[in-house]
Amino acid sequence: MTNHKPIISAINRTSLIVVCALVFSTSAMGQTLSVREFVAQKIKWAEWSLKRKAVSISGRYEGRLSKQFRFSRLPMLITPQRTTVLPNNLKAGQRVTVSGVLHRSGSRYGLEVTRIAIGSTDTERMIRKVDRAASDNPEAMYEIADEYAEIAEFYEDKELTFNITKLREKAFGLQRDQNKNDPAGLLRLAVQAEKTGVPTAVVEAIRFQSLVVAANLPESDMEKVLVDMRQQLKGWDRNNAMLDAGAEERFLQNPVAEYETADKISRQRMHRRVYRIYRLPQIIDQLQPDAANGIEVVRLLERELPEETVALEKIKTEFVDARLAAVSRLNRSQLEELGATLREFGRQPEMKQAIKQWLKVQEERQDNGELDGILYVADVYQFVFERWKDPAHRLAEDERLKTAWFLCKDAAPQEAKRILQRLERHGWTRLSGKWMTVGEVNDLPPDDVELARREGRVVPGMKAHQITSGVPTRRIRIISSRYVEEIWVYEEAGSTAITIHLQRDRHSSSDMATVTQVSTVANR
């Protein structure tokens, strides 16, 4: 027969010697029942007492009454036989196992015991069991906690309940630590925690940890992680800055630890911050090496992560610098876009130099000295003037139009006419063999021949071929020895007539006659 040594707690060596003498063999007495199991079979007590059936019961010591003592929740006194000694230094709640027979007196039952084994409290037993068999095994911890939970509930033991709760928390923490690098394991743990009544704040912290771990794994699908963040992190899409620089710095160093202790409002701020951490590189990666799509990336950043001002400024700078460096290769539309971008990004003063460089390249490429090249460059200057309103560009356009007019005034009079009309719209007039502005023309005297001719008037000094008033109604010719004088009369529909006096020498053609006088007379 094998003897089992009892678990001893808080008893002295003298008592230990006594108790060791009282150790019994449970195999001889049958199965040891807990008080809860024994009470559950109360219907059999009468039969057991009649048959003097030997029973073995494990219960909690509650106190003594003379030579007798009680177990908690057991409605009977326990009486040791004379040869059985109960130590004097037992404490309430200490586990005691007794072996004896049940007897009955009227409606009362009692237990006469011949053997007593003293053990530790249930809390001490549970802790020792965990240390011995489950210090690194959360599943075993849960099993032990469940085992002792029934005991704690039966005895309404607050201390044991508290220690069971701590044990479960320890097991849960161990599980979390074991899965700290496994996002799927953390998610399973969160589901388990939700089902077992773990506080919502803890469940949220585990889900958050799962997302952070997944985002940091090299093999993770970042697109899926971000989708999960958008689905699970309330407030991810709000421009919700961290409370201060210190809080943000702590969060960036250890987001999971900082999240663990944060309140609900702070956690929503952290939801936005962690989304920014992992979404930002994804957006920046879309930027092409030459920053050609910089404006699209900037727009995306402004729409999704406007808080990322440093990244925004960096991409803007890279995009503009790249555009400025490639200004010679830009077409007109791209040059306009560059102007708008410089204005939007606060770099508008740089546009003047960019235009200058762009115009220089256009001239070098297109101005071949021929009419088509000159007109192309004129159009280029017209374009930049209309967009940026620099008078110097209009002047450069007009100079090239004047050159083009000279080239085609004889060879292509229709083209020359169109060019002249364009110049006139810009305020230029061709008079007396030179180009004159509107102001200069206005300053000319009224009898200026070229001015009068342009305005359809007749003034002294004009040649006959310059008169555009039509065919006179009458012509009078007077010939002397040296000159030929002609009088052209234009009858008006009203009461006046215009007469033009012309004179030439006898050997000159009539077209070379010069106007000497213009007068208006009343008709009779």
Protein backbone atom coordinates (compact mmCIF):
# COMPACT_ATOMS: atom_id res chain seq x y z
CA MET A 1 0.00 0.00 0.00
CA THR A 2 1.35 3.43 -0.92
CA ASN A 3 1.19 6.32 1.53
CA HIS A 4 0.58 9.91 0.23
CA LYS A 5 2.24 12.67 2.19
CA PRO A 6 -0.10 15.57 3.04
CA ILE A 7 0.59 19.17 1.91
CA ILE A 8 1.47 21.14 5.03
CA SER A 9 1.08 24.88 5.48
CA ALA A 10 1.59 27.01 8.57
CA ILE A 11 2.09 24.16 11.06
CA ASN A 12 5.10 23.51 13.25
CA ARG A 13 7.36 20.49 13.24
CA THR A 14 5.66 18.95 16.32
CA SER A 15 2.32 18.99 14.56
CA LEU A 16 3.96 17.64 11.42
CA ILE A 17 5.09 14.55 13.33
CA VAL A 18 1.55 14.03 14.67
CA VAL A 19 -0.03 14.50 11.27
CA CYS A 20 2.35 12.18 9.53
CA ALA A 21 1.26 9.48 11.94
CA LEU A 22 -2.31 10.04 10.86
CA VAL A 23 -1.79 9.71 7.12
CA PHE A 24 -4.17 7.18 5.64
CA SER A 25 -4.53 5.20 2.49
CA THR A 26 -7.34 6.47 0.29
CA SER A 27 -7.22 3.27 -1.69
CA ALA A 28 -8.33 1.36 1.41
CA MET A 29 -11.17 3.74 2.22
CA GLY A 30 -12.44 4.41 -1.26
CA GLN A 31 -12.59 7.70 -3.18
CA THR A 32 -12.11 10.93 -1.27
CA LEU A 33 -15.10 13.23 -1.69
CA SER A 34 -15.11 16.98 -1.44
CA VAL A 35 -17.62 18.55 0.92
CA ARG A 36 -19.56 19.70 -2.12
CA GLU A 37 -19.67 16.17 -3.54
CA PHE A 38 -20.54 14.70 -0.14
CA VAL A 39 -23.41 17.14 0.44
CA ALA A 40 -24.70 16.48 -3.08
CA GLN A 41 -25.19 12.81 -2.04
CA LYS A 42 -27.13 13.61 1.13
CA ILE A 43 -29.87 11.24 0.05
CA LYS A 44 -27.46 8.34 0.73
CA TRP A 45 -26.38 9.43 4.20
CA ALA A 46 -29.01 7.35 5.96
CA GLU A 47 -27.96 4.21 4.11
CA TRP A 48 -24.27 4.90 4.74
CA SER A 49 -24.83 5.46 8.45
CA LEU A 50 -26.72 2.17 8.76
CA LYS A 51 -24.03 0.22 6.97
CA ARG A 52 -21.26 2.04 8.83
CA LYS A 53 -19.72 2.78 5.48
CA ALA A 54 -16.23 4.25 5.59
CA VAL A 55 -15.99 7.66 3.92
CA SER A 56 -13.14 10.00 3.13
CA ILE A 57 -13.95 13.71 2.93
CA SER A 58 -11.78 16.68 2.03
CA GLY A 59 -13.03 19.99 3.36
CA ARG A 60 -12.12 23.35 4.77
CA TYR A 61 -11.43 23.66 8.45
CA GLU A 62 -13.86 26.16 9.99
CA GLY A 63 -13.24 25.84 13.72
CA ARG A 64 -13.39 23.54 16.76
CA LEU A 65 -15.91 22.94 19.53
CA SER A 66 -14.13 21.27 22.44
CA LYS A 67 -12.76 18.09 20.92
CA GLN A 68 -14.96 18.30 17.86
CA PHE A 69 -14.51 20.53 14.82
CA ARG A 70 -16.41 21.67 11.72
CA PHE A 71 -15.89 21.83 7.98
CA SER A 72 -17.27 24.84 6.16
CA ARG A 73 -20.59 24.11 4.45
CA LEU A 74 -20.84 20.64 6.03
CA PRO A 75 -23.90 20.44 8.31
CA MET A 76 -22.43 18.10 10.94
CA LEU A 77 -19.74 17.89 13.61
CA ILE A 78 -16.60 15.83 13.13
CA THR A 79 -15.40 13.86 16.14
CA PRO A 80 -11.85 12.47 16.21
CA GLN A 81 -11.32 9.17 18.09
CA ARG A 82 -9.11 9.23 21.14
CA THR A 83 -6.07 8.08 19.21
CA THR A 84 -6.61 10.74 16.54
CA VAL A 85 -5.12 14.13 17.30
CA LEU A 86 -6.16 17.37 15.63
CA PRO A 87 -3.36 19.99 15.69
CA ASN A 88 -4.11 23.15 17.66
CA ASN A 89 -2.65 25.62 15.19
CA LEU A 90 -4.99 25.03 12.23
CA LYS A 91 -6.26 28.18 10.53
CA ALA A 92 -9.68 28.72 9.05
CA GLY A 93 -9.89 27.66 5.45
CA GLN A 94 -7.04 25.20 5.69
CA ARG A 95 -7.70 22.02 3.74
CA VAL A 96 -8.23 18.93 5.93
CA THR A 97 -8.94 15.39 4.77
CA VAL A 98 -10.66 13.04 7.24
CA SER A 99 -11.52 9.36 7.09
CA GLY A 100 -14.14 7.65 9.21
CA VAL A 101 -17.75 6.54 9.42
CA LEU A 102 -21.03 8.42 9.32
CA HIS A 103 -23.43 8.03 12.24
CA ARG A 104 -26.93 9.30 12.87
CA SER A 105 -28.72 10.51 15.95
CA GLY A 106 -32.31 11.32 15.24
CA SER A 107 -32.26 13.79 12.35
CA ARG A 108 -28.65 14.76 12.95
CA TYR A 109 -25.58 13.27 11.43
CA GLY A 110 -22.03 13.20 12.65
CA LEU A 111 -18.72 11.88 11.50
CA GLU A 112 -16.36 9.83 13.63
CA VAL A 113 -12.89 9.90 12.13
CA THR A 114 -9.88 7.77 12.75
CA ARG A 115 -7.47 9.51 10.41
CA ILE A 116 -6.78 13.15 9.66
CA ALA A 117 -4.50 14.65 7.02
CA ILE A 118 -3.72 18.37 7.11
CA GLY A 119 -3.12 20.34 3.91
CA SER A 120 -2.75 23.96 2.83
CA THR A 121 -5.51 26.38 1.83
CA ASP A 122 -7.14 26.11 -1.58
CA THR A 123 -5.41 29.31 -2.67
CA GLU A 124 -2.03 27.93 -1.66
CA ARG A 125 -2.78 24.63 -3.34
CA MET A 126 -3.82 26.36 -6.56
CA ILE A 127 -0.71 28.52 -6.64
CA ARG A 128 1.55 25.52 -5.97
CA LYS A 129 -0.19 23.54 -8.67
CA VAL A 130 0.35 26.32 -11.18
CA ASP A 131 4.02 26.66 -10.23
CA ARG A 132 4.53 22.95 -10.54
CA ALA A 133 2.69 22.18 -13.73
CA ALA A 134 1.59 25.27 -15.68
CA SER A 135 3.92 28.24 -15.22
CA ASP A 136 4.36 28.58 -19.00
CA ASN A 137 1.22 26.80 -20.17
CA PRO A 138 -1.80 29.11 -20.46
CA GLU A 139 -4.17 26.27 -21.33
CA ALA A 140 -3.20 24.42 -18.15
CA MET A 141 -3.65 27.64 -16.20
CA TYR A 142 -7.18 27.99 -17.53
CA GLU A 143 -7.93 24.38 -16.55
CA ILE A 144 -6.65 24.95 -13.01
CA ALA A 145 -8.62 28.22 -12.78
CA ASP A 146 -11.79 26.42 -13.89
CA GLU A 147 -11.14 23.64 -11.39
CA TYR A 148 -10.78 26.04 -8.47
CA ALA A 149 -13.57 28.31 -9.67
CA GLU A 150 -16.09 25.65 -8.66
CA ILE A 151 -14.53 25.51 -5.20
CA ALA A 152 -14.52 29.31 -4.88
CA GLU A 153 -18.15 29.49 -5.93
CA PHE A 154 -19.18 26.75 -3.48
CA TYR A 155 -17.44 28.39 -0.54
CA GLU A 156 -18.12 31.96 -1.74
CA ASP A 157 -14.41 32.52 -1.25
CA LYS A 158 -13.50 36.08 -2.32
CA GLU A 159 -9.77 35.58 -1.84
CA LEU A 160 -9.73 32.45 -3.97
CA THR A 161 -11.93 34.15 -6.57
CA PHE A 162 -9.50 37.05 -6.69
CA ASN A 163 -6.55 34.70 -7.19
CA ILE A 164 -8.43 32.77 -9.88
CA THR A 165 -9.08 36.04 -11.71
CA LYS A 166 -5.39 36.88 -11.45
CA LEU A 167 -4.48 33.43 -12.74
CA ARG A 168 -6.73 33.84 -15.75
CA GLU A 169 -5.28 37.28 -16.42
CA LYS A 170 -1.81 35.79 -16.20
CA ALA A 171 -2.79 33.01 -18.63
CA PHE A 172 -4.32 35.56 -20.96
CA GLY A 173 -1.22 37.75 -20.78
CA LEU A 174 0.96 34.73 -21.48
CA GLN A 175 -1.16 33.85 -24.51
CA ARG A 176 -0.87 37.42 -25.74
CA ASP A 177 2.89 37.37 -25.28
CA GLN A 178 3.18 34.04 -27.08
CA ASN A 179 1.23 35.50 -30.03
CA LYS A 180 2.87 38.93 -30.01
CA ASN A 181 4.37 38.38 -33.49
CA ASP A 182 1.37 36.54 -34.92
CA PRO A 183 -1.46 38.86 -36.07
CA ALA A 184 -3.79 35.92 -36.79
CA GLY A 185 -3.13 34.48 -33.32
CA LEU A 186 -3.83 37.85 -31.73
CA LEU A 187 -7.12 38.10 -33.60
CA ARG A 188 -8.13 34.63 -32.39
CA LEU A 189 -7.23 35.70 -28.88
CA ALA A 190 -9.38 38.82 -29.24
CA VAL A 191 -12.35 36.70 -30.32
CA GLN A 192 -11.77 34.37 -27.38
CA ALA A 193 -11.47 37.33 -25.02
CA GLU A 194 -14.72 38.81 -26.28
CA LYS A 195 -16.55 35.56 -25.65
CA THR A 196 -15.13 35.14 -22.15
CA GLY A 197 -16.05 38.59 -20.93
CA VAL A 198 -12.66 40.25 -21.06
CA PRO A 199 -13.16 44.06 -20.86
CA THR A 200 -13.84 45.74 -24.20
CA ALA A 201 -10.83 48.03 -23.79
CA VAL A 202 -8.52 45.01 -23.61
CA VAL A 203 -10.12 43.39 -26.66
CA GLU A 204 -9.68 46.63 -28.62
CA ALA A 205 -6.04 46.80 -27.56
CA ILE A 206 -5.42 43.27 -28.85
CA ARG A 207 -7.08 44.02 -32.18
CA PHE A 208 -4.99 47.18 -32.46
CA GLN A 209 -1.85 45.20 -31.66
CA SER A 210 -2.78 42.65 -34.33
CA LEU A 211 -3.02 45.40 -36.96
CA VAL A 212 0.31 46.95 -35.96
CA VAL A 213 2.07 43.57 -36.00
CA ALA A 214 0.58 42.76 -39.42
CA ALA A 215 1.65 46.12 -40.79
CA ASN A 216 5.23 45.54 -39.64
CA LEU A 217 5.61 42.07 -41.14
CA PRO A 218 7.61 42.21 -44.39
CA GLU A 219 5.39 39.60 -46.03
CA SER A 220 2.12 41.33 -45.16
CA ASP A 221 -0.27 42.57 -47.82
CA MET A 222 -0.27 46.25 -46.87
CA GLU A 223 -3.36 46.98 -48.94
CA LYS A 224 -5.30 44.41 -46.93
CA VAL A 225 -3.87 45.72 -43.65
CA LEU A 226 -5.06 49.23 -44.51
CA VAL A 227 -8.48 47.91 -45.43
CA ASP A 228 -8.62 46.18 -42.03
CA MET A 229 -7.59 49.43 -40.34
CA ARG A 230 -10.34 51.32 -42.10
CA GLN A 231 -12.86 48.68 -41.01
CA GLN A 232 -11.73 48.29 -37.40
CA LEU A 233 -10.25 51.60 -36.25
CA LYS A 234 -12.97 54.15 -35.60
CA GLY A 235 -11.79 57.66 -36.42
CA TRP A 236 -9.09 56.54 -38.88
CA ASP A 237 -10.38 59.05 -41.45
CA ARG A 238 -10.63 62.11 -39.21
CA ASN A 239 -8.07 64.88 -39.13
CA ASN A 240 -7.58 64.25 -35.44
CA ALA A 241 -4.11 65.25 -34.27
CA MET A 242 -2.40 63.81 -31.21
CA LEU A 243 -2.78 65.85 -28.02
CA ASP A 244 0.81 67.04 -27.92
CA ALA A 245 4.30 66.31 -29.24
CA GLY A 246 5.17 64.23 -26.20
CA ALA A 247 2.20 61.91 -26.63
CA GLU A 248 2.98 61.52 -30.31
CA GLU A 249 6.64 60.74 -29.62
CA ARG A 250 5.74 58.06 -27.07
CA PHE A 251 3.22 56.57 -29.48
CA LEU A 252 5.71 56.43 -32.33
CA GLN A 253 8.24 54.67 -30.09
CA ASN A 254 5.79 52.02 -28.85
CA PRO A 255 2.28 52.34 -30.29
CA VAL A 256 0.95 49.16 -28.66
CA ALA A 257 2.11 50.08 -25.15
CA GLU A 258 0.83 53.64 -25.45
CA TYR A 259 -2.50 52.43 -26.80
CA GLU A 260 -2.88 49.99 -23.90
CA THR A 261 -3.21 52.76 -21.31
CA ALA A 262 -5.02 55.35 -23.45
CA ASP A 263 -8.60 56.47 -22.94
CA LYS A 264 -11.29 56.18 -25.61
CA ILE A 265 -10.76 59.66 -27.11
CA SER A 266 -6.98 59.27 -27.20
CA ARG A 267 -7.36 55.90 -28.87
CA GLN A 268 -9.32 57.45 -31.71
CA ARG A 269 -6.49 59.92 -32.19
CA MET A 270 -4.11 56.97 -32.28
CA HIS A 271 -6.30 55.24 -34.88
CA ARG A 272 -5.74 58.18 -37.22
CA ARG A 273 -2.04 58.40 -36.39
CA VAL A 274 -1.30 54.73 -37.01
CA TYR A 275 -3.22 54.84 -40.29
CA ARG A 276 -1.10 57.78 -41.39
CA ILE A 277 2.09 55.91 -40.47
CA TYR A 278 1.36 53.06 -42.86
CA ARG A 279 -0.63 54.87 -45.56
CA LEU A 280 1.98 57.60 -46.12
CA PRO A 281 4.75 55.33 -47.55
CA GLN A 282 2.19 53.71 -49.80
CA ILE A 283 1.26 57.08 -51.31
CA ILE A 284 4.86 58.28 -51.59
CA ASP A 285 5.81 55.07 -53.40
CA GLN A 286 3.48 56.17 -56.21
CA LEU A 287 5.77 59.11 -57.00
CA GLN A 288 7.67 58.46 -60.21
CA PRO A 289 11.50 58.83 -60.15
CA ASP A 290 11.33 62.05 -62.17
CA ALA A 291 8.41 63.35 -60.06
CA ALA A 292 6.39 63.71 -63.26
CA ASN A 293 3.21 62.68 -61.44
CA GLY A 294 4.01 64.83 -58.43
CA ILE A 295 0.87 66.93 -58.71
CA GLU A 296 -1.33 63.80 -58.65
CA VAL A 297 0.51 62.50 -55.58
CA VAL A 298 0.16 65.90 -53.90
CA ARG A 299 -3.58 65.91 -54.57
CA LEU A 300 -3.89 62.40 -53.13
CA LEU A 301 -1.97 63.42 -50.02
CA GLU A 302 -4.02 66.57 -49.58
CA ARG A 303 -7.20 64.55 -49.85
CA GLU A 304 -6.23 61.63 -47.59
CA LEU A 305 -3.46 62.86 -45.27
CA PRO A 306 -3.46 66.67 -45.15
CA GLU A 307 -1.62 66.50 -41.80
CA GLU A 308 1.51 65.24 -43.56
CA THR A 309 2.74 68.75 -44.30
CA VAL A 310 6.42 67.81 -44.39
CA ALA A 311 5.84 65.11 -47.00
CA LEU A 312 3.58 67.45 -48.98
CA GLU A 313 6.19 70.20 -49.11
CA LYS A 314 8.90 67.73 -50.08
CA ILE A 315 6.91 66.31 -52.98
CA LYS A 316 5.87 69.79 -54.10
CA THR A 317 9.49 70.88 -54.11
CA GLU A 318 10.63 67.79 -56.00
CA PHE A 319 7.86 68.18 -58.55
CA VAL A 320 8.45 71.89 -59.17
CA ASP A 321 12.23 71.50 -59.29
CA ALA A 322 11.86 68.68 -61.80
CA ARG A 323 9.46 70.75 -63.89
CA LEU A 324 11.77 73.76 -63.82
CA ALA A 325 14.72 71.60 -64.77
CA ALA A 326 12.77 70.25 -67.75
CA VAL A 327 11.16 73.55 -68.78
CA SER A 328 12.81 73.44 -72.21
CA ARG A 329 10.89 70.25 -72.97
CA LEU A 330 7.47 71.46 -71.86
CA ASN A 331 4.69 72.14 -74.31
CA ARG A 332 2.39 75.13 -73.95
CA SER A 333 -0.15 73.32 -71.83
CA GLN A 334 2.54 72.02 -69.48
CA LEU A 335 4.02 75.50 -69.21
CA GLU A 336 0.61 76.81 -68.14
CA GLU A 337 0.36 74.01 -65.58
CA LEU A 338 3.79 74.94 -64.28
CA GLY A 339 2.67 78.54 -63.86
CA ALA A 340 -0.43 77.46 -61.94
CA THR A 341 1.64 75.12 -59.78
CA LEU A 342 4.22 77.79 -58.96
CA ARG A 343 1.44 80.17 -58.03
CA GLU A 344 -0.29 77.55 -55.87
CA PHE A 345 2.96 76.49 -54.15
CA GLY A 346 4.10 80.06 -53.46
CA ARG A 347 6.95 80.08 -55.98
CA GLN A 348 5.42 82.41 -58.55
CA PRO A 349 8.50 84.68 -58.87
CA GLU A 350 10.38 81.76 -60.44
CA MET A 351 7.98 81.71 -63.38
CA LYS A 352 9.58 84.74 -65.06
CA GLN A 353 12.92 82.98 -65.45
CA ALA A 354 11.19 79.78 -66.54
CA ILE A 355 9.32 81.63 -69.32
CA LYS A 356 12.51 83.33 -70.43
CA GLN A 357 14.29 79.99 -70.68
CA TRP A 358 11.34 78.40 -72.47
CA LEU A 359 11.11 81.25 -75.03
CA LYS A 360 14.82 81.06 -75.71
CA VAL A 361 14.52 77.37 -76.56
CA GLN A 362 11.47 78.01 -78.79
CA GLU A 363 13.36 80.67 -80.76
CA GLU A 364 16.42 78.48 -81.15
CA ARG A 365 14.31 75.63 -82.46
CA GLN A 366 11.85 77.48 -84.71
CA ASP A 367 13.29 80.82 -85.90
CA ASN A 368 14.92 79.85 -89.21
CA GLY A 369 14.80 83.35 -90.68
CA GLU A 370 11.95 82.33 -92.97
CA LEU A 371 8.36 83.58 -92.79
CA ASP A 372 6.97 80.42 -91.18
CA GLY A 373 9.60 80.39 -88.44
CA ILE A 374 9.21 84.07 -87.67
CA LEU A 375 5.41 83.79 -87.47
CA TYR A 376 5.70 80.71 -85.21
CA VAL A 377 7.90 82.60 -82.76
CA ALA A 378 5.48 85.55 -82.93
CA ASP A 379 2.67 83.16 -81.98
CA VAL A 380 4.76 81.85 -79.09
CA TYR A 381 5.21 85.36 -77.75
CA GLN A 382 1.51 86.01 -78.23
CA PHE A 383 0.76 82.90 -76.14
CA VAL A 384 2.96 83.91 -73.20
CA PHE A 385 1.66 87.50 -73.29
CA GLU A 386 -1.96 86.37 -73.17
CA ARG A 387 -1.20 84.07 -70.21
CA TRP A 388 1.14 86.24 -68.15
CA LYS A 389 0.51 89.81 -69.44
CA ASP A 390 4.12 90.91 -69.61
CA PRO A 391 4.30 93.93 -72.06
CA ALA A 392 7.80 92.82 -73.09
CA HIS A 393 6.30 89.69 -74.63
CA ARG A 394 3.78 91.71 -76.65
CA LEU A 395 6.58 93.96 -77.89
CA ALA A 396 8.65 90.91 -78.90
CA GLU A 397 5.64 89.50 -80.76
CA ASP A 398 5.09 92.77 -82.64
CA GLU A 399 8.74 93.04 -83.66
CA ARG A 400 8.59 89.62 -85.24
CA LEU A 401 5.30 90.51 -86.99
CA LYS A 402 6.93 93.62 -88.47
CA THR A 403 9.79 91.50 -89.76
CA ALA A 404 7.30 89.03 -91.25
CA TRP A 405 5.39 91.90 -92.92
CA PHE A 406 8.51 93.11 -94.68
CA LEU A 407 9.22 89.60 -95.93
CA CYS A 408 5.80 89.13 -97.52
CA LYS A 409 4.51 92.64 -98.37
CA ASP A 410 5.47 92.20 -102.00
CA ALA A 411 5.61 88.41 -102.37
CA ALA A 412 2.44 87.59 -100.44
CA PRO A 413 0.24 90.67 -100.14
CA GLN A 414 -2.71 88.78 -98.63
CA GLU A 415 -0.52 87.40 -95.84
CA ALA A 416 0.99 90.86 -95.39
CA LYS A 417 -2.51 92.29 -95.05
CA ARG A 418 -3.38 89.81 -92.29
CA ILE A 419 -0.15 90.62 -90.47
CA LEU A 420 -0.84 94.35 -90.79
CA GLN A 421 -4.34 93.90 -89.38
CA ARG A 422 -2.86 92.00 -86.43
CA LEU A 423 -0.38 94.79 -85.81
CA GLU A 424 -3.11 97.39 -86.06
CA ARG A 425 -5.07 95.56 -83.38
CA HIS A 426 -1.99 95.97 -81.21
CA GLY A 427 -1.95 99.71 -81.91
CA TRP A 428 0.56 99.97 -84.76
CA THR A 429 0.16 101.92 -88.04
CA ARG A 430 2.37 101.97 -91.11
CA LEU A 431 2.73 105.59 -92.22
CA SER A 432 5.38 107.38 -94.24
CA GLY A 433 7.44 104.24 -94.52
CA LYS A 434 7.66 103.62 -90.79
CA TRP A 435 5.76 102.01 -87.95
CA MET A 436 3.93 104.37 -85.68
CA THR A 437 1.92 103.91 -82.53
CA VAL A 438 -1.60 105.28 -82.08
CA GLY A 439 -0.18 108.03 -79.95
CA GLU A 440 2.35 108.99 -82.56
CA VAL A 441 -0.35 109.08 -85.24
CA ASN A 442 -2.55 111.28 -83.06
CA ASP A 443 0.30 113.71 -82.71
CA LEU A 444 0.62 114.16 -86.49
CA PRO A 445 -0.76 117.44 -88.01
CA PRO A 446 -4.11 117.12 -89.81
CA ASP A 447 -2.57 117.96 -93.20
CA ASP A 448 -0.08 115.15 -93.08
CA VAL A 449 -0.42 113.44 -96.43
CA GLU A 450 -0.08 109.87 -95.19
CA LEU A 451 -2.50 110.45 -92.33
CA ALA A 452 -5.04 112.06 -94.64
CA ARG A 453 -4.66 109.32 -97.18
CA ARG A 454 -5.23 106.66 -94.46
CA GLU A 455 -8.34 108.55 -93.29
CA GLY A 456 -9.70 109.06 -96.85
CA ARG A 457 -9.18 112.86 -96.79
CA VAL A 458 -7.54 115.07 -99.45
CA VAL A 459 -4.93 117.62 -98.35
CA PRO A 460 -2.39 119.82 -100.22
CA GLY A 461 0.75 117.90 -101.12
CA MET A 462 -1.04 114.73 -102.17
CA LYS A 463 -0.40 113.23 -105.59
CA ALA A 464 -3.31 112.54 -107.88
CA HIS A 465 -2.89 108.80 -107.57
CA GLN A 466 -3.25 109.11 -103.78
CA ILE A 467 -6.75 110.58 -104.00
CA THR A 468 -9.35 107.93 -103.22
CA SER A 469 -12.47 110.07 -103.32
CA GLY A 470 -13.77 108.44 -106.49
CA VAL A 471 -14.43 109.88 -109.96
CA PRO A 472 -15.07 113.66 -110.02
CA THR A 473 -18.33 114.84 -111.57
CA ARG A 474 -16.47 117.53 -113.54
CA ARG A 475 -12.88 118.14 -114.59
CA ILE A 476 -11.55 121.51 -115.65
CA ARG A 477 -8.09 121.72 -117.23
CA ILE A 478 -6.08 124.93 -117.68
CA ILE A 479 -2.83 124.72 -119.65
CA SER A 480 -0.13 127.38 -119.56
CA SER A 481 3.32 127.48 -121.11
CA ARG A 482 4.87 125.74 -118.10
CA TYR A 483 2.10 124.06 -116.09
CA VAL A 484 -1.06 122.10 -116.43
CA GLU A 485 -3.65 122.90 -113.76
CA GLU A 486 -6.67 120.70 -113.16
CA ILE A 487 -9.76 121.32 -111.07
CA TRP A 488 -11.71 118.30 -109.92
CA VAL A 489 -15.27 119.01 -108.82
CA TYR A 490 -17.20 116.56 -106.64
CA GLU A 491 -20.87 117.48 -106.53
CA GLU A 492 -22.45 116.53 -103.21
CA ALA A 493 -26.03 115.41 -102.93
CA GLY A 494 -26.76 118.48 -100.79
CA SER A 495 -25.89 122.10 -101.34
CA THR A 496 -22.10 121.86 -101.35
CA ALA A 497 -19.39 120.84 -103.79
CA ILE A 498 -15.74 119.94 -103.16
CA THR A 499 -13.12 121.22 -105.52
CA ILE A 500 -9.57 119.95 -105.68
CA HIS A 501 -6.88 121.98 -107.47
CA LEU A 502 -3.93 120.01 -108.86
CA GLN A 503 -0.85 121.24 -110.73
CA ARG A 504 1.95 119.56 -112.70
CA ASP A 505 4.43 120.57 -115.32
CA ARG A 506 3.57 119.90 -118.88
CA HIS A 507 5.98 117.00 -119.21
CA SER A 508 4.76 114.99 -116.14
CA SER A 509 2.03 112.39 -116.17
CA SER A 510 -1.36 113.27 -114.76
CA ASP A 511 -0.82 110.84 -111.80
CA MET A 512 2.04 112.99 -110.62
CA ALA A 513 -0.10 116.11 -110.33
CA THR A 514 0.11 117.61 -106.83
CA VAL A 515 -2.86 118.92 -104.86
CA THR A 516 -2.41 122.66 -104.27
CA GLN A 517 -5.78 123.54 -102.79
CA VAL A 518 -8.93 121.87 -101.47
CA SER A 519 -12.08 123.89 -100.97
CA THR A 520 -15.76 123.47 -100.32
CA VAL A 521 -18.21 125.77 -102.13
CA ALA A 522 -21.96 126.15 -101.89
CA ASN A 523 -24.08 125.15 -104.83
CA ARG A 524 -26.42 127.83 -106.21
